Amino acid sequence: MNVFPGSRKRARRCCPWRVALWLIALPMTFPAWADCGGCAAIAQRFVAEEGFNGVVLVGHGSHIDYSASFGVADAATGRALTADTPFESGSISKWIAAIVVMRLVQQGQLALDEPISTYLPDYRPDNGAKLTLRNLMTHASGLPNDIDDAIKRDPATRSVSIDQAEAVRRFASGDLRFEPGTEWDYSHSNWLLVKSVIERVTGRDYASLVDGYIVRPLAMRHSGTFTGSSLAVPGMAHGYRKLIPQAEPLDKPSPNFMMLAGGFYASAHDFFALVDGLFSGRVLSPESTRILMTVERPAQHYALGGRTKTLPFGGKDHPVAWEYGSNGAYRVLVWRTLDDGHTVILMNNTSFDHMKIGGLGTALMDASYR
């Protein structure tokens, strides 16, 4: 099967990574499991028709039913993707941050509805008296998205080196656009404040909390946080605007102060370990998990740092932990049905159409019930 445009002979004449890409995309290249009878056919057809470069994983409970990898992690060397290849997770990082916050709430160190001035007495007092962690984590704070505006004006802002307090002063201290809790406005600046609260209360850097509360307890071997370019992470999937006819790299650095908004990375295997560990009670208590997944903004299906949606699979409606993230070329989808633990994880590093990724996720989740 010739999955990508051009013949195999032409790929050999062109450049080595295209040969690797063609070979890796052959059917059944990396099938680790095949308990989902229809999953392999769905994934292989999608690769053949759409030129998908990425990782597919389907499971239920703690069991992986199907896993396959298609394409390259590094076009220059021809290094293949695997289910252990780390990817940037984009906005799924916010859900990771919310898990950390709920762990601290569970331990009595934080409260979701306490004014943040309780934790940041030197923060702007009028905003600090109104804003709560719940407001910030549900994008209902009214805090303007000044960090994104700054990046749009000057992309070099992604590489600026300033401490957290200065970042909050510059990008998370604007006048509120609406009364907290009354409206919705997706603002990355919220998460600069959440990071400041977490680090001030614990006296620890956020990266160490992610490692101590999530990564090490769940034995996630290819996960963690990053600052700057994610390509410094060993084995990271490189990002591309496209691979065909010529690879066009795409790298969007993330500064330390933006870590909660987009600075988490993980492999497909590790995301599976995360959702299984979280929903089996190995990360949070049942009550903390319930709060984490409870929808706060119904129109957006938004809970704390992520979404909970009701979606039809296998002829029945299911509540789903619906997590999707993107940054630059990276696309990551993680779905887990909350009633019976069916899981789909999709990862891509070539700026793929997110609607098509959602369609693939739906087809695979349906297949997992057959």
Protein backbone atom coordinates (compact mmCIF):
# COMPACT_ATOMS: atom_id res chain seq x y z
CA MET A 1 0.00 0.00 0.00
CA ASN A 2 1.43 3.37 -0.98
CA VAL A 3 0.22 5.59 1.84
CA PHE A 4 1.87 8.89 0.93
CA PRO A 5 2.03 10.69 -2.42
CA GLY A 6 4.74 9.58 -4.79
CA SER A 7 6.11 6.13 -5.45
CA ARG A 8 8.56 4.21 -3.32
CA LYS A 9 11.16 4.61 -6.03
CA ARG A 10 10.76 8.39 -6.00
CA ALA A 11 11.06 8.46 -2.20
CA ARG A 12 14.41 6.67 -2.41
CA ARG A 13 15.71 9.20 -4.89
CA CYS A 14 14.49 12.12 -2.76
CA CYS A 15 15.61 11.73 0.81
CA PRO A 16 16.00 8.93 3.43
CA TRP A 17 13.28 10.12 5.80
CA ARG A 18 10.61 9.70 3.10
CA VAL A 19 11.57 6.04 2.71
CA ALA A 20 11.28 5.64 6.47
CA LEU A 21 7.91 7.42 6.44
CA TRP A 22 6.54 5.14 3.71
CA LEU A 23 7.76 1.98 5.44
CA ILE A 24 6.51 2.99 8.87
CA ALA A 25 3.03 3.68 7.52
CA LEU A 26 2.59 0.15 6.15
CA PRO A 27 -0.30 -1.71 7.82
CA MET A 28 0.43 -3.59 11.03
CA THR A 29 3.83 -1.98 11.38
CA PHE A 30 3.62 -1.49 15.14
CA PRO A 31 0.57 -3.39 16.42
CA ALA A 32 1.24 -4.06 20.10
CA TRP A 33 -2.28 -5.31 20.86
CA ALA A 34 -5.29 -6.20 18.70
CA ASP A 35 -8.22 -6.89 21.03
CA CYS A 36 -10.23 -4.13 19.34
CA GLY A 37 -11.11 -6.01 16.19
CA GLY A 38 -12.00 -3.01 14.04
CA CYS A 39 -9.40 -0.54 15.33
CA ALA A 40 -6.52 -1.61 13.10
CA ALA A 41 -8.59 -1.32 9.93
CA ILE A 42 -9.91 2.11 10.96
CA ALA A 43 -6.46 3.46 11.79
CA GLN A 44 -4.77 2.04 8.69
CA ARG A 45 -7.50 3.36 6.40
CA PHE A 46 -7.18 6.79 8.01
CA VAL A 47 -3.42 6.80 7.47
CA ALA A 48 -3.85 5.72 3.85
CA GLU A 49 -6.51 8.31 3.06
CA GLU A 50 -5.31 11.26 5.14
CA GLY A 51 -1.53 10.81 5.48
CA PHE A 52 -1.75 10.80 9.28
CA ASN A 53 1.63 10.83 11.05
CA GLY A 54 1.17 9.88 14.69
CA VAL A 55 0.26 7.41 17.40
CA VAL A 56 -3.05 5.63 18.06
CA LEU A 57 -3.98 3.84 21.29
CA VAL A 58 -7.31 2.29 22.34
CA GLY A 59 -8.05 0.56 25.63
CA HIS A 60 -10.47 -0.01 28.44
CA GLY A 61 -9.80 -0.04 32.17
CA SER A 62 -6.13 -0.88 32.60
CA HIS A 63 -5.97 -2.97 29.40
CA ILE A 64 -4.64 -1.68 26.06
CA ASP A 65 -6.70 -3.15 23.23
CA TYR A 66 -4.88 -1.65 20.25
CA SER A 67 -1.76 0.46 19.80
CA ALA A 68 -0.02 1.48 16.59
CA SER A 69 2.42 4.15 15.41
CA PHE A 70 2.62 5.60 11.91
CA GLY A 71 5.37 7.81 10.55
CA VAL A 72 8.40 9.61 11.90
CA ALA A 73 9.32 11.42 15.08
CA ASP A 74 12.32 13.03 13.40
CA ALA A 75 12.27 13.49 9.63
CA ALA A 76 15.98 14.35 9.44
CA THR A 77 17.07 10.99 10.86
CA GLY A 78 14.05 8.86 9.97
CA ARG A 79 13.51 8.01 13.67
CA ALA A 80 10.16 6.25 13.95
CA LEU A 81 7.32 7.18 16.24
CA THR A 82 6.37 4.70 18.95
CA ALA A 83 3.81 4.67 21.76
CA ASP A 84 6.67 5.75 24.06
CA THR A 85 7.55 8.84 22.01
CA PRO A 86 6.81 12.01 24.01
CA PHE A 87 4.67 14.77 22.48
CA GLU A 88 3.83 18.24 23.72
CA SER A 89 0.31 18.09 25.14
CA GLY A 90 -0.72 21.73 24.65
CA SER A 91 -3.76 22.71 26.71
CA ILE A 92 -4.00 19.29 28.34
CA SER A 93 -1.29 20.83 30.53
CA LYS A 94 -4.11 22.83 32.18
CA TRP A 95 -5.83 19.61 33.20
CA ILE A 96 -2.55 18.35 34.66
CA ALA A 97 -2.29 21.60 36.61
CA ALA A 98 -5.85 21.16 37.87
CA ILE A 99 -4.97 17.68 39.14
CA VAL A 100 -2.05 19.17 41.08
CA VAL A 101 -4.31 21.88 42.51
CA MET A 102 -6.89 19.30 43.59
CA ARG A 103 -4.17 17.32 45.31
CA LEU A 104 -3.26 20.44 47.30
CA VAL A 105 -6.94 21.12 48.03
CA GLN A 106 -7.27 17.54 49.24
CA GLN A 107 -4.31 18.10 51.56
CA GLY A 108 -5.83 21.30 52.95
CA GLN A 109 -3.18 23.61 51.50
CA LEU A 110 -5.51 25.36 49.04
CA ALA A 111 -9.22 26.16 48.75
CA LEU A 112 -10.94 26.63 45.40
CA ASP A 113 -13.15 29.51 46.56
CA GLU A 114 -10.72 31.48 48.70
CA PRO A 115 -9.70 34.89 47.31
CA ILE A 116 -6.24 34.53 45.81
CA SER A 117 -5.08 37.50 47.89
CA THR A 118 -5.01 34.96 50.72
CA TYR A 119 -2.13 33.27 48.96
CA LEU A 120 -0.65 36.24 47.06
CA PRO A 121 -0.84 39.22 49.44
CA ASP A 122 1.38 41.31 47.17
CA TYR A 123 -0.87 40.83 44.11
CA ARG A 124 -3.08 43.65 42.84
CA PRO A 125 -5.52 43.98 45.79
CA ASP A 126 -8.75 44.77 43.94
CA ASN A 127 -8.42 41.77 41.61
CA GLY A 128 -6.97 39.59 44.35
CA ALA A 129 -10.02 40.11 46.56
CA LYS A 130 -12.38 38.99 43.78
CA LEU A 131 -10.53 36.19 42.02
CA THR A 132 -10.51 32.57 43.19
CA LEU A 133 -8.77 29.47 41.92
CA ARG A 134 -12.13 28.22 40.68
CA ASN A 135 -12.57 31.39 38.61
CA LEU A 136 -9.09 31.09 37.15
CA MET A 137 -9.24 27.35 36.40
CA THR A 138 -12.60 27.60 34.64
CA HIS A 139 -11.73 30.68 32.52
CA ALA A 140 -14.46 32.64 34.31
CA SER A 141 -12.16 35.19 35.94
CA GLY A 142 -12.50 38.14 33.57
CA LEU A 143 -8.70 38.40 33.52
CA PRO A 144 -7.68 39.53 30.02
CA ASN A 145 -5.52 37.22 27.93
CA ASP A 146 -2.57 39.61 28.02
CA ILE A 147 0.07 36.90 27.55
CA ASP A 148 -1.40 35.75 24.25
CA ASP A 149 -1.76 39.34 23.12
CA ALA A 150 1.90 39.94 23.94
CA ILE A 151 2.98 36.85 21.99
CA LYS A 152 0.93 37.94 18.97
CA ARG A 153 2.60 41.35 19.04
CA ASP A 154 6.05 39.85 19.52
CA PRO A 155 6.58 36.08 19.12
CA ALA A 156 9.95 36.48 20.90
CA THR A 157 7.92 36.76 24.13
CA ARG A 158 7.88 32.94 24.06
CA SER A 159 11.61 33.00 24.76
CA VAL A 160 11.74 35.79 27.34
CA SER A 161 13.47 34.93 30.62
CA ILE A 162 11.72 36.56 33.59
CA ASP A 163 10.68 35.27 37.00
CA GLN A 164 7.11 34.39 37.90
CA ALA A 165 6.40 37.60 39.80
CA GLU A 166 7.46 39.74 36.86
CA ALA A 167 5.43 37.59 34.45
CA VAL A 168 2.33 38.08 36.62
CA ARG A 169 2.96 41.83 36.77
CA ARG A 170 3.30 42.09 32.98
CA PHE A 171 0.75 39.57 31.75
CA ALA A 172 -1.76 38.75 34.54
CA SER A 173 -2.55 42.03 36.28
CA GLY A 174 -4.88 43.77 33.86
CA ASP A 175 -8.29 45.25 34.61
CA LEU A 176 -10.99 42.57 34.74
CA ARG A 177 -13.23 42.46 31.67
CA PHE A 178 -16.24 41.19 33.63
CA GLU A 179 -17.23 40.26 37.16
CA PRO A 180 -15.63 36.92 38.05
CA GLY A 181 -17.95 33.97 37.56
CA THR A 182 -20.42 35.74 35.29
CA GLU A 183 -18.94 35.02 31.86
CA TRP A 184 -16.46 32.84 29.98
CA ASP A 185 -13.21 33.97 28.34
CA TYR A 186 -10.43 31.52 27.54
CA SER A 187 -7.34 33.25 28.94
CA HIS A 188 -3.89 31.74 29.36
CA SER A 189 -3.07 34.54 31.78
CA ASN A 190 -5.23 32.75 34.37
CA TRP A 191 -2.64 30.02 34.64
CA LEU A 192 0.22 32.39 35.41
CA LEU A 193 -1.65 33.26 38.60
CA VAL A 194 -2.42 29.62 39.40
CA LYS A 195 1.29 28.81 39.10
CA SER A 196 2.16 31.67 41.45
CA VAL A 197 -0.37 30.46 44.02
CA ILE A 198 0.85 26.86 43.88
CA GLU A 199 4.51 27.75 44.21
CA ARG A 200 3.96 30.36 46.94
CA VAL A 201 1.88 28.00 49.12
CA THR A 202 4.07 24.92 48.73
CA GLY A 203 7.47 26.59 48.54
CA ARG A 204 8.25 24.24 45.64
CA ASP A 205 8.58 24.73 41.91
CA TYR A 206 5.64 23.45 39.89
CA ALA A 207 7.72 20.95 37.90
CA SER A 208 8.68 19.09 41.08
CA LEU A 209 5.02 18.86 42.12
CA VAL A 210 4.02 17.33 38.79
CA ASP A 211 6.86 14.86 39.12
CA GLY A 212 6.06 14.00 42.74
CA TYR A 213 2.26 13.81 42.54
CA ILE A 214 1.76 12.36 39.05
CA VAL A 215 4.78 11.25 37.02
CA ARG A 216 6.73 9.13 39.51
CA PRO A 217 3.76 7.55 41.36
CA LEU A 218 2.29 6.37 38.05
CA ALA A 219 5.67 5.29 36.62
CA MET A 220 5.27 7.60 33.63
CA ARG A 221 8.69 7.17 32.04
CA HIS A 222 8.32 9.58 29.13
CA SER A 223 6.50 12.52 30.72
CA GLY A 224 7.18 15.75 32.54
CA THR A 225 7.37 19.49 32.12
CA PHE A 226 9.58 21.54 29.83
CA THR A 227 10.72 25.12 29.44
CA GLY A 228 11.75 26.68 26.16
CA SER A 229 11.92 24.32 23.20
CA SER A 230 10.51 20.85 23.85
CA LEU A 231 13.15 19.44 21.49
CA ALA A 232 15.52 19.44 24.46
CA VAL A 233 13.43 16.56 25.88
CA PRO A 234 15.10 13.21 25.03
CA GLY A 235 13.22 11.36 22.30
CA MET A 236 10.67 14.15 21.72
CA ALA A 237 8.63 13.98 18.52
CA HIS A 238 9.71 16.90 16.36
CA GLY A 239 6.96 19.21 15.14
CA TYR A 240 6.31 19.97 11.44
CA ARG A 241 4.04 22.23 9.46
CA LYS A 242 4.06 19.41 6.94
CA LEU A 243 6.20 16.47 5.83
CA ILE A 244 5.25 16.19 2.17
CA PRO A 245 6.74 17.10 -0.27
CA GLN A 246 9.42 18.54 2.03
CA ALA A 247 9.66 18.59 5.81
CA GLU A 248 9.00 22.03 7.31
CA PRO A 249 9.93 22.09 11.02
CA LEU A 250 7.75 24.04 13.45
CA ASP A 251 8.92 24.74 17.00
CA LYS A 252 7.08 27.08 19.39
CA PRO A 253 8.97 27.47 22.69
CA SER A 254 7.08 27.81 25.95
CA PRO A 255 8.47 30.01 28.75
CA ASN A 256 8.64 28.76 32.33
CA PHE A 257 5.85 31.06 33.49
CA MET A 258 3.52 29.44 30.90
CA MET A 259 4.19 25.90 32.12
CA LEU A 260 0.67 25.29 33.44
CA ALA A 261 -0.91 26.47 30.19
CA GLY A 262 1.15 24.34 27.81
CA GLY A 263 4.36 22.98 29.30
CA PHE A 264 3.52 19.30 29.90
CA TYR A 265 4.63 16.47 27.63
CA ALA A 266 3.85 12.75 27.64
CA SER A 267 3.78 9.61 25.49
CA ALA A 268 0.65 7.67 24.55
CA HIS A 269 1.54 4.90 26.99
CA ASP A 270 2.01 7.45 29.76
CA PHE A 271 -1.28 9.21 29.08
CA PHE A 272 -2.98 5.83 29.30
CA ALA A 273 -1.26 5.24 32.66
CA LEU A 274 -2.41 8.69 33.77
CA VAL A 275 -6.11 8.30 33.01
CA ASP A 276 -6.17 4.78 34.40
CA GLY A 277 -4.37 5.90 37.56
CA LEU A 278 -6.52 8.99 38.03
CA PHE A 279 -9.86 7.26 37.56
CA SER A 280 -8.90 4.22 39.61
CA GLY A 281 -8.15 6.43 42.62
CA ARG A 282 -4.34 6.35 42.64
CA VAL A 283 -3.86 10.11 42.24
CA LEU A 284 -6.84 11.77 43.92
CA SER A 285 -9.60 10.72 46.28
CA PRO A 286 -12.98 9.90 44.68
CA GLU A 287 -14.41 13.21 45.94
CA SER A 288 -11.48 15.23 44.56
CA THR A 289 -11.82 13.45 41.22
CA ARG A 290 -15.56 14.19 41.17
CA ILE A 291 -14.87 17.90 41.75
CA LEU A 292 -12.14 17.87 39.08
CA MET A 293 -14.56 16.50 36.47
CA THR A 294 -17.70 18.46 37.44
CA VAL A 295 -18.72 20.90 34.70
CA GLU A 296 -18.57 24.51 35.87
CA ARG A 297 -19.32 26.26 32.57
CA PRO A 298 -22.08 24.23 30.86
CA ALA A 299 -22.03 26.03 27.50
CA GLN A 300 -18.34 25.11 27.08
CA HIS A 301 -18.51 21.73 28.91
CA TYR A 302 -15.63 23.12 30.98
CA ALA A 303 -14.73 21.72 34.38
CA LEU A 304 -11.43 22.51 36.16
CA GLY A 305 -8.72 22.80 33.53
CA GLY A 306 -10.48 20.44 31.13
CA ARG A 307 -13.82 19.34 29.75
CA THR A 308 -16.44 16.75 30.61
CA LYS A 309 -18.76 15.97 27.71
CA THR A 310 -21.57 13.51 27.09
CA LEU A 311 -20.93 11.69 23.81
CA PRO A 312 -22.68 8.76 22.10
CA PHE A 313 -20.55 5.64 21.67
CA GLY A 314 -21.64 2.08 21.06
CA GLY A 315 -25.31 3.07 20.93
CA LYS A 316 -25.30 4.73 24.36
CA ASP A 317 -24.49 8.16 25.83
CA HIS A 318 -21.38 8.24 28.00
CA PRO A 319 -19.86 10.98 30.18
CA VAL A 320 -16.35 11.53 28.85
CA ALA A 321 -13.22 13.18 30.17
CA TRP A 322 -12.60 15.12 26.98
CA GLU A 323 -9.06 16.44 26.74
CA TYR A 324 -7.56 18.00 23.62
CA GLY A 325 -4.38 20.01 23.32
CA SER A 326 -2.35 21.66 20.60
CA ASN A 327 0.75 23.81 20.36
CA GLY A 328 2.37 24.59 17.06
CA ALA A 329 2.48 21.29 15.17
CA TYR A 330 1.36 19.07 18.06
CA ARG A 331 -2.14 17.65 18.39
CA VAL A 332 -3.09 15.38 21.31
CA LEU A 333 -6.52 13.93 22.06
CA VAL A 334 -7.26 11.92 25.22
CA TRP A 335 -10.79 10.60 25.82
CA ARG A 336 -11.87 8.43 28.74
CA THR A 337 -15.47 7.36 29.33
CA LEU A 338 -16.17 7.96 33.00
CA ASP A 339 -18.80 5.25 33.37
CA ASP A 340 -16.91 2.26 31.94
CA GLY A 341 -13.33 3.33 31.31
CA HIS A 342 -12.98 3.12 27.52
CA THR A 343 -10.00 5.18 26.33
CA VAL A 344 -8.79 6.63 23.03
CA ILE A 345 -5.49 8.49 22.72
CA LEU A 346 -4.33 10.14 19.49
CA MET A 347 -1.08 12.03 19.00
CA ASN A 348 0.13 13.93 15.94
CA ASN A 349 3.16 16.13 15.20
CA THR A 350 2.34 17.52 11.73
CA SER A 351 -0.27 20.26 12.30
CA PHE A 352 -3.10 17.89 11.41
CA ASP A 353 -6.73 19.02 11.06
CA HIS A 354 -8.18 18.75 14.58
CA MET A 355 -11.68 18.01 13.27
CA LYS A 356 -10.38 14.96 11.41
CA ILE A 357 -8.58 13.84 14.56
CA GLY A 358 -11.91 14.09 16.39
CA GLY A 359 -13.56 11.99 13.69
CA LEU A 360 -10.88 9.32 14.03
CA GLY A 361 -11.30 9.34 17.81
CA THR A 362 -15.05 8.85 17.48
CA ALA A 363 -14.64 5.94 15.05
CA LEU A 364 -12.10 4.23 17.31
CA MET A 365 -14.17 4.72 20.45
CA ASP A 366 -17.21 3.25 18.70
CA ALA A 367 -15.11 0.29 17.57
CA SER A 368 -13.94 -0.34 21.12
CA TYR A 369 -17.52 -1.28 22.08
CA ARG A 370 -17.94 -3.91 19.39
